Structures are given as structure tokens and as C-alpha cells.
Amino acid sequence: MFRKHTRVTWRHLTERQIANIQTFGVHIFRLCDKVVHFLPDLIKTAELFVGGIGSKPYIPFFGSKTPMYQQRLNVKFIEDGTGYRWKPRKHVFQNLSDDEVQAGDFLAITRFDGLDQIINFGTGSHSGHSAVIL
């Protein structure tokens, strides 16, 4: 990733900060390295977020469903960034009866729209939103 050796030195860290680094490590984010890469990087980032932004489910691109290209790019983003590989499932949608859902049930929700993947990347979770049945 780096073209040369880089040394980073932290000074005056608190015990809590040291413990945090020992527990979670250090993450280094690479930013745009050259101006000529800015536009391609911007387009690549926009592709993660643009799509499925409307309220009508069947309008292409602006509908409420995330397009397949966007889902693939977000899955790749998580795999490249965290090493976690999403596996396809045959039956994603289930109609549950009232008997199967009880107060206190937890739902972990992920939508491949870019936002949830930023949450995944930042927190290490595999869901972007959560809900509890009341």
C-alpha cells in the first residue's frame, strides 16, 4: 500500500488510549494520493451510495431497491476493507406469522446501499441497523 516506509510516533498517550490500541489495533486510511486519482476515486465512492434512493420500488436507478451493481460493489468494499465475505442466501425474505414473532426479538438489518457498509466498516459489525420487536 505504501510506496515507502513510514514511521508514525504517538506521544503522551493515556493508559486508556494504549489499551484501546492494544485491543483494536491501529487503522490507517489511505486518502487520495494524487490529484489525477481524485475524480476516479470520487466516482468509485459515489457508486457505493447512488442507487435505490427513491421511494418507488420499480423505477430504474432512482427506485427504492438497490441495483445489483451497487450491491456487488458494497459486498466487495466490505470484503476488501475488512476481510468479511458475504455469502448469498437463497431465501432472503420470509413471511412470519404472529406466532413466530415475539416481543423482545432482535432484528439485525443490512441494506447494501453504502451507508450500512460504512457502519459495518467503522464498527466491525455485520449489520447497519437494528430493531427490537415490541
N, C-alpha and C. Protein backbone atom coordinates (compact mmCIF):
# COMPACT_ATOMS: atom_id res chain seq x y z
N MET A 1 0.82 -1.18 0.00
CA MET A 1 0.00 0.00 0.00
C MET A 1 0.87 1.25 0.00
N PHE A 2 1.84 1.32 0.88
CA PHE A 2 2.72 2.47 0.91
C PHE A 2 3.89 2.24 -0.02
N ARG A 3 4.34 3.28 -0.67
CA ARG A 3 5.46 3.15 -1.60
C ARG A 3 6.79 3.29 -0.89
N LYS A 4 6.76 3.77 0.33
CA LYS A 4 8.00 3.90 1.10
C LYS A 4 7.67 3.57 2.55
N HIS A 5 8.69 3.35 3.32
CA HIS A 5 8.47 3.07 4.73
C HIS A 5 8.04 4.34 5.44
N THR A 6 7.07 4.18 6.30
CA THR A 6 6.54 5.32 7.04
C THR A 6 6.56 4.99 8.52
N ARG A 7 7.02 5.90 9.32
CA ARG A 7 7.03 5.70 10.76
C ARG A 7 6.11 6.73 11.40
N VAL A 8 5.24 6.25 12.26
CA VAL A 8 4.31 7.11 12.98
C VAL A 8 4.64 7.00 14.46
N THR A 9 4.76 8.12 15.13
CA THR A 9 5.08 8.14 16.56
C THR A 9 4.00 8.88 17.31
N TRP A 10 3.45 8.22 18.33
CA TRP A 10 2.47 8.87 19.20
C TRP A 10 3.16 9.19 20.52
N ARG A 11 2.84 10.34 21.04
CA ARG A 11 3.39 10.74 22.33
C ARG A 11 2.26 11.13 23.26
N HIS A 12 2.49 10.99 24.53
CA HIS A 12 1.56 11.43 25.57
C HIS A 12 0.21 10.70 25.49
N LEU A 13 0.24 9.40 25.19
CA LEU A 13 -0.99 8.63 25.17
C LEU A 13 -1.40 8.29 26.60
N THR A 14 -2.70 8.28 26.84
CA THR A 14 -3.20 7.89 28.15
C THR A 14 -3.21 6.36 28.23
N GLU A 15 -3.37 5.84 29.43
CA GLU A 15 -3.46 4.38 29.60
C GLU A 15 -4.64 3.82 28.82
N ARG A 16 -5.73 4.55 28.82
CA ARG A 16 -6.93 4.11 28.10
C ARG A 16 -6.67 4.05 26.60
N GLN A 17 -5.98 5.04 26.06
CA GLN A 17 -5.67 5.04 24.63
C GLN A 17 -4.73 3.89 24.27
N ILE A 18 -3.77 3.62 25.12
CA ILE A 18 -2.85 2.50 24.88
C ILE A 18 -3.62 1.18 24.90
N ALA A 19 -4.51 1.02 25.88
CA ALA A 19 -5.32 -0.20 25.96
C ALA A 19 -6.20 -0.36 24.73
N ASN A 20 -6.75 0.75 24.25
CA ASN A 20 -7.58 0.72 23.05
C ASN A 20 -6.77 0.26 21.83
N ILE A 21 -5.57 0.78 21.68
CA ILE A 21 -4.70 0.37 20.57
C ILE A 21 -4.33 -1.10 20.69
N GLN A 22 -4.03 -1.55 21.90
CA GLN A 22 -3.68 -2.96 22.09
C GLN A 22 -4.86 -3.88 21.80
N THR A 23 -6.06 -3.42 22.10
CA THR A 23 -7.25 -4.24 21.88
C THR A 23 -7.68 -4.22 20.42
N PHE A 24 -7.76 -3.04 19.82
CA PHE A 24 -8.34 -2.91 18.49
C PHE A 24 -7.32 -2.66 17.38
N GLY A 25 -6.08 -2.35 17.74
CA GLY A 25 -5.07 -2.08 16.73
C GLY A 25 -5.18 -0.67 16.19
N VAL A 26 -4.41 -0.40 15.17
CA VAL A 26 -4.38 0.91 14.53
C VAL A 26 -4.83 0.72 13.08
N HIS A 27 -5.74 1.55 12.64
CA HIS A 27 -6.20 1.52 11.26
C HIS A 27 -5.67 2.76 10.56
N ILE A 28 -5.05 2.55 9.42
CA ILE A 28 -4.53 3.66 8.64
C ILE A 28 -5.36 3.76 7.36
N PHE A 29 -5.92 4.92 7.11
CA PHE A 29 -6.74 5.13 5.95
C PHE A 29 -5.94 5.85 4.87
N ARG A 30 -5.94 5.29 3.71
CA ARG A 30 -5.24 5.90 2.59
C ARG A 30 -6.18 6.87 1.89
N LEU A 31 -5.75 8.08 1.75
CA LEU A 31 -6.53 9.09 1.06
C LEU A 31 -6.00 9.27 -0.34
N CYS A 32 -6.64 10.10 -1.09
CA CYS A 32 -6.23 10.34 -2.46
C CYS A 32 -4.75 10.72 -2.52
N ASP A 33 -3.99 9.93 -3.25
CA ASP A 33 -2.54 10.16 -3.27
C ASP A 33 -2.11 11.17 -4.33
N LYS A 34 -2.87 11.30 -5.40
CA LYS A 34 -2.53 12.26 -6.46
C LYS A 34 -3.82 12.90 -6.96
N VAL A 35 -3.72 14.10 -7.42
CA VAL A 35 -4.88 14.83 -7.92
C VAL A 35 -5.53 14.10 -9.09
N VAL A 36 -4.74 13.45 -9.94
CA VAL A 36 -5.31 12.76 -11.10
C VAL A 36 -6.18 11.59 -10.68
N HIS A 37 -6.03 11.09 -9.46
CA HIS A 37 -6.85 9.99 -8.97
C HIS A 37 -8.13 10.47 -8.29
N PHE A 38 -8.24 11.78 -8.07
CA PHE A 38 -9.38 12.30 -7.32
C PHE A 38 -10.72 11.96 -7.99
N LEU A 39 -10.87 12.27 -9.26
CA LEU A 39 -12.14 12.03 -9.95
C LEU A 39 -12.48 10.54 -10.03
N PRO A 40 -11.56 9.66 -10.43
CA PRO A 40 -11.90 8.23 -10.41
C PRO A 40 -12.27 7.73 -9.02
N ASP A 41 -11.58 8.21 -7.98
CA ASP A 41 -11.91 7.79 -6.61
C ASP A 41 -13.29 8.32 -6.21
N LEU A 42 -13.61 9.52 -6.62
CA LEU A 42 -14.91 10.11 -6.31
C LEU A 42 -16.03 9.31 -6.98
N ILE A 43 -15.83 8.93 -8.21
CA ILE A 43 -16.82 8.13 -8.94
C ILE A 43 -16.98 6.77 -8.28
N LYS A 44 -15.87 6.15 -7.93
CA LYS A 44 -15.91 4.84 -7.27
C LYS A 44 -16.67 4.92 -5.95
N THR A 45 -16.48 5.99 -5.20
CA THR A 45 -17.19 6.17 -3.93
C THR A 45 -18.67 6.42 -4.18
N ALA A 46 -18.99 7.26 -5.15
CA ALA A 46 -20.40 7.57 -5.46
C ALA A 46 -21.16 6.31 -5.86
N GLU A 47 -20.51 5.39 -6.56
CA GLU A 47 -21.18 4.16 -6.98
C GLU A 47 -21.65 3.33 -5.79
N LEU A 48 -20.98 3.45 -4.65
CA LEU A 48 -21.39 2.73 -3.45
C LEU A 48 -22.71 3.26 -2.89
N PHE A 49 -22.99 4.55 -3.12
CA PHE A 49 -24.13 5.21 -2.49
C PHE A 49 -25.28 5.52 -3.43
N VAL A 50 -25.01 5.71 -4.72
CA VAL A 50 -26.04 6.18 -5.64
C VAL A 50 -26.77 5.00 -6.24
N GLY A 51 -28.06 4.97 -6.00
CA GLY A 51 -28.93 3.89 -6.43
C GLY A 51 -29.84 3.54 -5.27
N GLY A 52 -31.08 3.25 -5.56
CA GLY A 52 -32.01 2.91 -4.50
C GLY A 52 -32.31 4.07 -3.58
N ILE A 53 -32.35 5.28 -4.13
CA ILE A 53 -32.52 6.46 -3.29
C ILE A 53 -33.93 7.04 -3.34
N GLY A 54 -34.81 6.45 -4.11
CA GLY A 54 -36.16 6.98 -4.24
C GLY A 54 -37.16 6.22 -3.38
N SER A 55 -38.43 6.48 -3.62
CA SER A 55 -39.47 5.83 -2.84
C SER A 55 -40.31 4.86 -3.67
N LYS A 56 -40.13 4.85 -4.97
CA LYS A 56 -40.88 3.94 -5.84
C LYS A 56 -40.00 2.74 -6.18
N PRO A 57 -40.43 1.52 -5.85
CA PRO A 57 -39.54 0.36 -5.98
C PRO A 57 -39.14 -0.02 -7.40
N TYR A 58 -39.92 0.31 -8.41
CA TYR A 58 -39.63 -0.23 -9.74
C TYR A 58 -39.09 0.79 -10.73
N ILE A 59 -38.71 1.96 -10.28
CA ILE A 59 -38.10 2.93 -11.18
C ILE A 59 -36.60 2.63 -11.24
N PRO A 60 -36.05 2.37 -12.44
CA PRO A 60 -34.62 2.04 -12.52
C PRO A 60 -33.75 3.15 -11.94
N PHE A 61 -32.72 2.75 -11.22
CA PHE A 61 -31.70 3.62 -10.64
C PHE A 61 -32.22 4.50 -9.52
N PHE A 62 -33.35 5.20 -9.72
CA PHE A 62 -33.88 6.09 -8.70
C PHE A 62 -34.96 5.42 -7.84
N GLY A 63 -35.22 4.14 -8.08
CA GLY A 63 -36.21 3.44 -7.29
C GLY A 63 -35.71 3.17 -5.88
N SER A 64 -36.55 2.54 -5.06
CA SER A 64 -36.17 2.29 -3.67
C SER A 64 -35.33 1.03 -3.50
N LYS A 65 -35.24 0.21 -4.52
CA LYS A 65 -34.42 -1.01 -4.44
C LYS A 65 -33.00 -0.70 -4.91
N THR A 66 -32.02 -1.21 -4.17
CA THR A 66 -30.63 -1.01 -4.59
C THR A 66 -30.35 -1.88 -5.81
N PRO A 67 -29.76 -1.32 -6.87
CA PRO A 67 -29.46 -2.11 -8.07
C PRO A 67 -28.39 -3.17 -7.77
N MET A 68 -28.35 -4.20 -8.58
CA MET A 68 -27.40 -5.30 -8.39
C MET A 68 -25.95 -4.82 -8.43
N TYR A 69 -25.63 -3.87 -9.34
CA TYR A 69 -24.25 -3.38 -9.41
C TYR A 69 -23.86 -2.75 -8.08
N GLN A 70 -24.78 -2.02 -7.45
CA GLN A 70 -24.49 -1.37 -6.17
C GLN A 70 -24.31 -2.41 -5.06
N GLN A 71 -25.13 -3.42 -5.07
CA GLN A 71 -24.99 -4.48 -4.07
C GLN A 71 -23.64 -5.18 -4.22
N ARG A 72 -23.24 -5.50 -5.45
CA ARG A 72 -21.94 -6.15 -5.69
C ARG A 72 -20.78 -5.28 -5.24
N LEU A 73 -20.84 -3.97 -5.54
CA LEU A 73 -19.76 -3.07 -5.15
C LEU A 73 -19.65 -2.95 -3.63
N ASN A 74 -20.78 -2.92 -2.93
CA ASN A 74 -20.76 -2.81 -1.48
C ASN A 74 -20.26 -4.09 -0.82
N VAL A 75 -20.62 -5.24 -1.39
CA VAL A 75 -20.09 -6.52 -0.88
C VAL A 75 -18.58 -6.55 -1.06
N LYS A 76 -18.11 -6.11 -2.22
CA LYS A 76 -16.66 -6.07 -2.49
C LYS A 76 -15.95 -5.09 -1.55
N PHE A 77 -16.58 -3.93 -1.29
CA PHE A 77 -16.00 -2.95 -0.38
C PHE A 77 -15.76 -3.56 1.01
N ILE A 78 -16.75 -4.26 1.53
CA ILE A 78 -16.61 -4.88 2.86
C ILE A 78 -15.55 -5.98 2.83
N GLU A 79 -15.54 -6.78 1.79
CA GLU A 79 -14.54 -7.85 1.71
C GLU A 79 -13.13 -7.28 1.62
N ASP A 80 -12.93 -6.26 0.77
CA ASP A 80 -11.62 -5.64 0.64
C ASP A 80 -11.19 -4.91 1.91
N GLY A 81 -12.15 -4.27 2.58
CA GLY A 81 -11.81 -3.44 3.74
C GLY A 81 -11.70 -4.19 5.05
N THR A 82 -12.48 -5.28 5.21
CA THR A 82 -12.50 -5.98 6.50
C THR A 82 -12.14 -7.45 6.41
N GLY A 83 -12.19 -8.00 5.21
CA GLY A 83 -11.93 -9.42 5.06
C GLY A 83 -13.18 -10.28 5.21
N TYR A 84 -14.30 -9.68 5.62
CA TYR A 84 -15.55 -10.43 5.78
C TYR A 84 -16.17 -10.65 4.41
N ARG A 85 -16.60 -11.88 4.15
CA ARG A 85 -17.20 -12.20 2.86
C ARG A 85 -18.67 -12.54 3.05
N TRP A 86 -19.54 -11.72 2.46
CA TRP A 86 -20.96 -12.00 2.49
C TRP A 86 -21.25 -13.20 1.61
N LYS A 87 -22.10 -14.08 2.08
CA LYS A 87 -22.46 -15.28 1.31
C LYS A 87 -23.89 -15.12 0.82
N PRO A 88 -24.13 -15.46 -0.45
CA PRO A 88 -25.51 -15.35 -0.96
C PRO A 88 -26.43 -16.35 -0.26
N ARG A 89 -27.68 -15.93 -0.05
CA ARG A 89 -28.68 -16.81 0.54
C ARG A 89 -29.83 -16.97 -0.45
N LYS A 90 -30.40 -18.16 -0.47
CA LYS A 90 -31.48 -18.43 -1.41
C LYS A 90 -32.78 -17.75 -0.98
N HIS A 91 -33.11 -17.83 0.29
CA HIS A 91 -34.39 -17.31 0.77
C HIS A 91 -34.13 -16.13 1.69
N VAL A 92 -34.13 -14.94 1.12
CA VAL A 92 -33.84 -13.74 1.89
C VAL A 92 -35.09 -13.22 2.60
N PHE A 93 -36.23 -13.31 1.95
CA PHE A 93 -37.46 -12.76 2.51
C PHE A 93 -38.30 -13.88 3.09
N GLN A 94 -38.80 -13.67 4.29
CA GLN A 94 -39.65 -14.64 4.95
C GLN A 94 -40.90 -13.92 5.45
N ASN A 95 -42.03 -14.52 5.24
CA ASN A 95 -43.27 -14.03 5.83
C ASN A 95 -43.48 -14.79 7.13
N LEU A 96 -43.39 -14.09 8.23
CA LEU A 96 -43.53 -14.71 9.54
C LEU A 96 -44.94 -14.48 10.08
N SER A 97 -45.46 -15.50 10.71
CA SER A 97 -46.78 -15.35 11.34
C SER A 97 -46.62 -14.66 12.69
N ASP A 98 -47.70 -14.18 13.23
CA ASP A 98 -47.67 -13.52 14.55
C ASP A 98 -47.15 -14.45 15.63
N ASP A 99 -47.35 -15.75 15.47
CA ASP A 99 -46.87 -16.72 16.48
C ASP A 99 -45.35 -16.84 16.48
N GLU A 100 -44.73 -16.54 15.35
CA GLU A 100 -43.27 -16.67 15.25
C GLU A 100 -42.51 -15.44 15.72
N VAL A 101 -43.22 -14.32 15.88
CA VAL A 101 -42.58 -13.08 16.28
C VAL A 101 -43.07 -12.70 17.67
N GLN A 102 -42.12 -12.47 18.58
CA GLN A 102 -42.50 -12.15 19.95
C GLN A 102 -41.81 -10.87 20.40
N ALA A 103 -42.38 -10.22 21.39
CA ALA A 103 -41.78 -9.01 21.95
C ALA A 103 -40.38 -9.35 22.44
N GLY A 104 -39.42 -8.49 22.10
CA GLY A 104 -38.03 -8.71 22.51
C GLY A 104 -37.17 -9.34 21.43
N ASP A 105 -37.78 -9.83 20.34
CA ASP A 105 -36.99 -10.40 19.24
C ASP A 105 -36.15 -9.30 18.62
N PHE A 106 -34.91 -9.63 18.30
CA PHE A 106 -33.94 -8.67 17.75
C PHE A 106 -33.80 -8.91 16.25
N LEU A 107 -33.82 -7.84 15.49
CA LEU A 107 -33.61 -7.92 14.05
C LEU A 107 -32.35 -7.15 13.68
N ALA A 108 -31.43 -7.81 13.03
CA ALA A 108 -30.23 -7.14 12.51
C ALA A 108 -30.46 -6.94 11.01
N ILE A 109 -30.34 -5.71 10.56
CA ILE A 109 -30.74 -5.35 9.21
C ILE A 109 -29.54 -4.78 8.45
N THR A 110 -29.35 -5.27 7.23
CA THR A 110 -28.31 -4.73 6.35
C THR A 110 -28.91 -4.46 4.98
N ARG A 111 -28.67 -3.30 4.49
CA ARG A 111 -29.07 -2.92 3.13
C ARG A 111 -27.80 -2.50 2.42
N PHE A 112 -27.55 -3.03 1.25
CA PHE A 112 -26.31 -2.75 0.54
C PHE A 112 -26.41 -1.43 -0.23
N ASP A 113 -26.51 -0.34 0.55
CA ASP A 113 -26.71 0.98 -0.02
C ASP A 113 -25.55 1.93 0.24
N GLY A 114 -24.46 1.43 0.78
CA GLY A 114 -23.30 2.28 1.06
C GLY A 114 -23.28 2.75 2.50
N LEU A 115 -24.39 3.24 3.00
CA LEU A 115 -24.44 3.73 4.37
C LEU A 115 -24.22 2.60 5.37
N ASP A 116 -24.92 1.50 5.19
CA ASP A 116 -24.74 0.37 6.11
C ASP A 116 -23.31 -0.17 6.05
N GLN A 117 -22.69 -0.12 4.88
CA GLN A 117 -21.33 -0.63 4.77
C GLN A 117 -20.33 0.29 5.46
N ILE A 118 -20.59 1.58 5.49
CA ILE A 118 -19.74 2.49 6.27
C ILE A 118 -19.88 2.17 7.75
N ILE A 119 -21.11 1.88 8.20
CA ILE A 119 -21.34 1.47 9.59
C ILE A 119 -20.62 0.16 9.86
N ASN A 120 -20.73 -0.82 8.95
CA ASN A 120 -20.03 -2.10 9.10
C ASN A 120 -18.54 -1.90 9.24
N PHE A 121 -17.98 -1.10 8.34
CA PHE A 121 -16.53 -0.86 8.32
C PHE A 121 -16.07 -0.17 9.60
N GLY A 122 -16.82 0.83 10.03
CA GLY A 122 -16.42 1.62 11.20
C GLY A 122 -16.59 0.90 12.52
N THR A 123 -17.60 0.04 12.63
CA THR A 123 -17.89 -0.61 13.91
C THR A 123 -17.45 -2.06 13.97
N GLY A 124 -17.20 -2.66 12.81
CA GLY A 124 -16.85 -4.08 12.79
C GLY A 124 -18.07 -4.98 12.85
N SER A 125 -19.25 -4.41 12.77
CA SER A 125 -20.48 -5.21 12.83
C SER A 125 -20.81 -5.77 11.45
N HIS A 126 -21.84 -6.60 11.40
CA HIS A 126 -22.32 -7.10 10.12
C HIS A 126 -23.76 -6.67 9.87
N SER A 127 -24.17 -5.62 10.57
CA SER A 127 -25.49 -5.04 10.32
C SER A 127 -25.37 -3.52 10.33
N GLY A 128 -26.27 -2.89 9.62
CA GLY A 128 -26.24 -1.43 9.57
C GLY A 128 -27.26 -0.81 10.50
N HIS A 129 -28.34 -1.52 10.73
CA HIS A 129 -29.41 -1.05 11.59
C HIS A 129 -29.92 -2.21 12.41
N SER A 130 -30.56 -1.89 13.49
CA SER A 130 -31.15 -2.93 14.31
C SER A 130 -32.51 -2.48 14.81
N ALA A 131 -33.34 -3.47 15.13
CA ALA A 131 -34.68 -3.17 15.65
C ALA A 131 -35.06 -4.25 16.64
N VAL A 132 -35.93 -3.91 17.55
CA VAL A 132 -36.45 -4.86 18.52
C VAL A 132 -37.97 -4.87 18.39
N ILE A 133 -38.54 -6.06 18.36
CA ILE A 133 -39.99 -6.19 18.27
C ILE A 133 -40.59 -5.86 19.63
N LEU A 134 -41.59 -4.99 19.63
CA LEU A 134 -42.27 -4.62 20.87
C LEU A 134 -43.63 -5.28 20.97
